[in-house]
Amino acid sequence: MFTPFFRIVLIIACLGMAVLFYLREDYFNTAFTILAAGLFGYGYFKYGTVFAAFQQLKKENFDKAEKLISKIKNPNNLSKQQKSYYHFTTGIIASEKNKYDLAKSELVKALEIGLRTKNDTSIVLLNLADIEYERAEFFSAKEYLIELRNYELKPLVKAEMDNLAEKINVAQQRI
């Protein structure tokens, strides 16, 4: 939720307050502010900027999302859930840049790790089907669409799925 810079500022502020409390011999507040600094440090390494990047992705602000997600230097340190959304966000950004191989591998990783909601999983499957369509791998695209039909879809996702299925059918008829 916080940017790395803001988290570091909060950690420094908490440690500064801890020193002040220690000098005043207020040991309870010293321990409390050191604990707060530790929690901000923990969040820095376990959660990164994935949530903020994902929110920018929802707003279709891909440049800002890419900037935020690129601040994560070691995604292996993220929690399992954050790691899946890291791959989800990275995959969508790569797809927008027409880097289909990278997009597919990142989205597959997100599916393997597991996403929090069925809607997010359906969005990943739809994007994988779209990537396969763009690569002219119509059979694989149809497989993803078949898997996508197993989910309860929101109206927008269902409309996109139907649109993509129609595009695949038209493209296959041309071949």
Protein backbone atom coordinates (compact mmCIF):
# COMPACT_ATOMS: atom_id res chain seq x y z
CA MET A 1 0.00 0.00 0.00
CA PHE A 2 2.87 2.36 0.81
CA THR A 3 5.68 3.13 -1.59
CA PRO A 4 9.14 1.94 -0.51
CA PHE A 5 10.30 5.53 0.05
CA PHE A 6 7.33 6.29 2.32
CA ARG A 7 7.91 3.07 4.28
CA ILE A 8 11.55 3.98 4.83
CA VAL A 9 10.51 7.46 6.02
CA LEU A 10 8.06 5.84 8.46
CA ILE A 11 10.74 3.45 9.73
CA ILE A 12 13.18 6.31 10.31
CA ALA A 13 10.47 8.39 12.03
CA CYS A 14 9.57 5.47 14.31
CA LEU A 15 13.19 4.86 15.21
CA GLY A 16 13.69 8.57 15.88
CA MET A 17 10.65 8.57 18.16
CA ALA A 18 11.96 5.45 19.89
CA VAL A 19 15.22 7.27 20.70
CA LEU A 20 13.27 10.21 22.11
CA PHE A 21 11.11 7.92 24.24
CA TYR A 22 14.19 6.10 25.45
CA LEU A 23 15.85 9.36 26.47
CA ARG A 24 12.71 10.23 28.45
CA GLU A 25 12.87 6.75 30.05
CA ASP A 26 9.47 5.87 28.59
CA TYR A 27 10.30 2.25 27.84
CA PHE A 28 6.77 1.16 26.93
CA ASN A 29 6.50 3.69 24.10
CA THR A 30 10.10 2.94 23.09
CA ALA A 31 9.21 -0.73 22.63
CA PHE A 32 5.96 0.17 20.88
CA THR A 33 7.63 2.45 18.31
CA ILE A 34 10.42 -0.08 17.68
CA LEU A 35 7.69 -2.68 17.08
CA ALA A 36 5.97 -0.27 14.66
CA ALA A 37 9.27 0.26 12.80
CA GLY A 38 9.70 -3.51 12.62
CA LEU A 39 6.21 -3.94 11.17
CA PHE A 40 6.88 -1.30 8.52
CA GLY A 41 10.15 -3.08 7.69
CA TYR A 42 8.37 -6.42 7.50
CA GLY A 43 5.75 -4.94 5.17
CA TYR A 44 8.50 -3.47 3.02
CA PHE A 45 9.89 -6.93 2.27
CA LYS A 46 6.73 -9.08 2.38
CA TYR A 47 4.24 -6.90 0.52
CA GLY A 48 6.26 -4.49 -1.58
CA THR A 49 4.28 -2.23 -3.89
CA VAL A 50 2.15 -4.99 -5.40
CA PHE A 51 -1.16 -3.69 -4.08
CA ALA A 52 -0.49 -0.13 -5.29
CA ALA A 53 0.59 -1.43 -8.72
CA PHE A 54 -2.48 -3.66 -8.95
CA GLN A 55 -4.74 -0.70 -8.15
CA GLN A 56 -3.09 1.31 -10.93
CA LEU A 57 -3.58 -1.65 -13.25
CA LYS A 58 -7.31 -1.64 -12.48
CA LYS A 59 -7.39 2.04 -13.47
CA GLU A 60 -5.56 1.11 -16.70
CA ASN A 61 -2.65 3.34 -15.72
CA PHE A 62 -0.03 0.91 -17.06
CA ASP A 63 2.98 3.24 -16.85
CA LYS A 64 2.41 3.96 -13.16
CA ALA A 65 1.73 0.27 -12.48
CA GLU A 66 4.96 -0.69 -14.22
CA LYS A 67 6.90 1.92 -12.27
CA LEU A 68 5.50 0.63 -8.97
CA ILE A 69 5.99 -3.05 -9.77
CA SER A 70 9.57 -2.43 -10.93
CA LYS A 71 10.43 -1.19 -7.42
CA ILE A 72 10.22 -4.79 -6.22
CA LYS A 73 13.77 -6.06 -6.49
CA ASN A 74 13.27 -9.62 -5.24
CA PRO A 75 9.75 -10.97 -5.83
CA ASN A 76 10.70 -14.29 -4.23
CA ASN A 77 10.62 -12.56 -0.83
CA LEU A 78 6.96 -11.60 -1.28
CA SER A 79 4.21 -13.53 0.46
CA LYS A 80 2.47 -16.19 -1.64
CA GLN A 81 -0.56 -14.03 -2.37
CA GLN A 82 1.50 -10.95 -3.18
CA LYS A 83 3.72 -13.04 -5.43
CA SER A 84 0.72 -14.20 -7.47
CA TYR A 85 -0.46 -10.62 -7.93
CA TYR A 86 3.09 -9.57 -8.78
CA HIS A 87 3.05 -12.08 -11.65
CA PHE A 88 -0.50 -11.07 -12.59
CA THR A 89 0.44 -7.38 -12.81
CA THR A 90 3.70 -8.08 -14.64
CA GLY A 91 1.88 -10.34 -17.10
CA ILE A 92 -0.80 -7.78 -17.91
CA ILE A 93 1.80 -5.06 -18.40
CA ALA A 94 3.83 -7.34 -20.70
CA SER A 95 0.67 -8.17 -22.64
CA GLU A 96 -0.05 -4.46 -23.15
CA LYS A 97 3.46 -4.07 -24.57
CA ASN A 98 2.89 -7.03 -26.92
CA LYS A 99 5.55 -9.12 -25.16
CA TYR A 100 3.41 -12.22 -25.39
CA ASP A 101 5.96 -14.83 -24.30
CA LEU A 102 6.74 -12.96 -21.09
CA ALA A 103 3.07 -12.19 -20.52
CA LYS A 104 2.07 -15.83 -20.88
CA SER A 105 4.77 -17.10 -18.54
CA GLU A 106 3.92 -14.49 -15.89
CA LEU A 107 0.17 -15.13 -16.08
CA VAL A 108 0.68 -18.90 -15.90
CA LYS A 109 2.83 -18.39 -12.79
CA ALA A 110 0.04 -16.30 -11.26
CA LEU A 111 -2.43 -19.12 -11.93
CA GLU A 112 -0.09 -21.75 -10.50
CA ILE A 113 0.44 -19.79 -7.29
CA GLY A 114 -3.26 -18.99 -6.99
CA LEU A 115 -5.16 -15.74 -7.01
CA ARG A 116 -7.40 -14.48 -4.24
CA THR A 117 -10.68 -14.26 -6.17
CA LYS A 118 -12.35 -16.27 -8.91
CA ASN A 119 -12.86 -13.04 -10.84
CA ASP A 120 -9.11 -12.40 -10.92
CA THR A 121 -8.55 -15.98 -12.04
CA SER A 122 -11.10 -15.53 -14.82
CA ILE A 123 -9.37 -12.33 -15.93
CA VAL A 124 -6.05 -14.18 -16.12
CA LEU A 125 -7.62 -16.99 -18.16
CA LEU A 126 -9.22 -14.46 -20.51
CA ASN A 127 -5.88 -12.72 -20.99
CA LEU A 128 -4.14 -16.03 -21.64
CA ALA A 129 -6.76 -16.85 -24.27
CA ASP A 130 -6.25 -13.42 -25.83
CA ILE A 131 -2.47 -13.91 -25.88
CA GLU A 132 -2.87 -17.27 -27.61
CA TYR A 133 -5.25 -15.68 -30.11
CA GLU A 134 -2.69 -12.96 -30.87
CA ARG A 135 -0.04 -15.65 -31.38
CA ALA A 136 -2.43 -17.51 -33.74
CA GLU A 137 -2.55 -20.50 -31.36
CA PHE A 138 -6.31 -20.91 -31.70
CA PHE A 139 -6.52 -24.38 -30.16
CA SER A 140 -4.80 -23.20 -26.96
CA ALA A 141 -6.96 -20.09 -26.90
CA LYS A 142 -10.09 -22.23 -27.08
CA GLU A 143 -8.81 -24.43 -24.25
CA TYR A 144 -8.44 -21.37 -22.03
CA LEU A 145 -11.95 -20.24 -23.00
CA ILE A 146 -13.34 -23.68 -22.14
CA GLU A 147 -11.65 -23.49 -18.73
CA LEU A 148 -12.97 -19.94 -18.34
CA ARG A 149 -16.56 -21.13 -18.85
CA ASN A 150 -16.28 -23.08 -15.56
CA TYR A 151 -16.26 -19.81 -13.62
CA GLU A 152 -19.13 -17.56 -12.69
CA LEU A 153 -18.25 -14.56 -14.82
CA LYS A 154 -19.00 -10.93 -14.32
CA PRO A 155 -20.86 -9.34 -17.25
CA LEU A 156 -17.81 -7.50 -18.61
CA VAL A 157 -15.63 -10.62 -18.54
CA LYS A 158 -18.42 -12.67 -20.14
CA ALA A 159 -18.83 -10.09 -22.92
CA GLU A 160 -15.07 -10.07 -23.56
CA MET A 161 -15.01 -13.87 -23.58
CA ASP A 162 -17.86 -14.04 -26.11
CA ASN A 163 -16.15 -11.41 -28.27
CA LEU A 164 -12.85 -13.31 -28.19
CA ALA A 165 -14.58 -16.62 -28.98
CA GLU A 166 -16.19 -15.00 -32.02
CA LYS A 167 -12.85 -13.57 -33.17
CA ILE A 168 -11.23 -17.00 -32.82
CA ASN A 169 -14.01 -18.64 -34.85
CA VAL A 170 -13.68 -16.03 -37.61
CA ALA A 171 -9.90 -16.42 -37.68
CA GLN A 172 -10.15 -20.20 -37.86
CA GLN A 173 -12.57 -20.00 -40.78
CA ARG A 174 -10.06 -17.91 -42.72
CA ILE A 175 -7.41 -20.58 -42.38
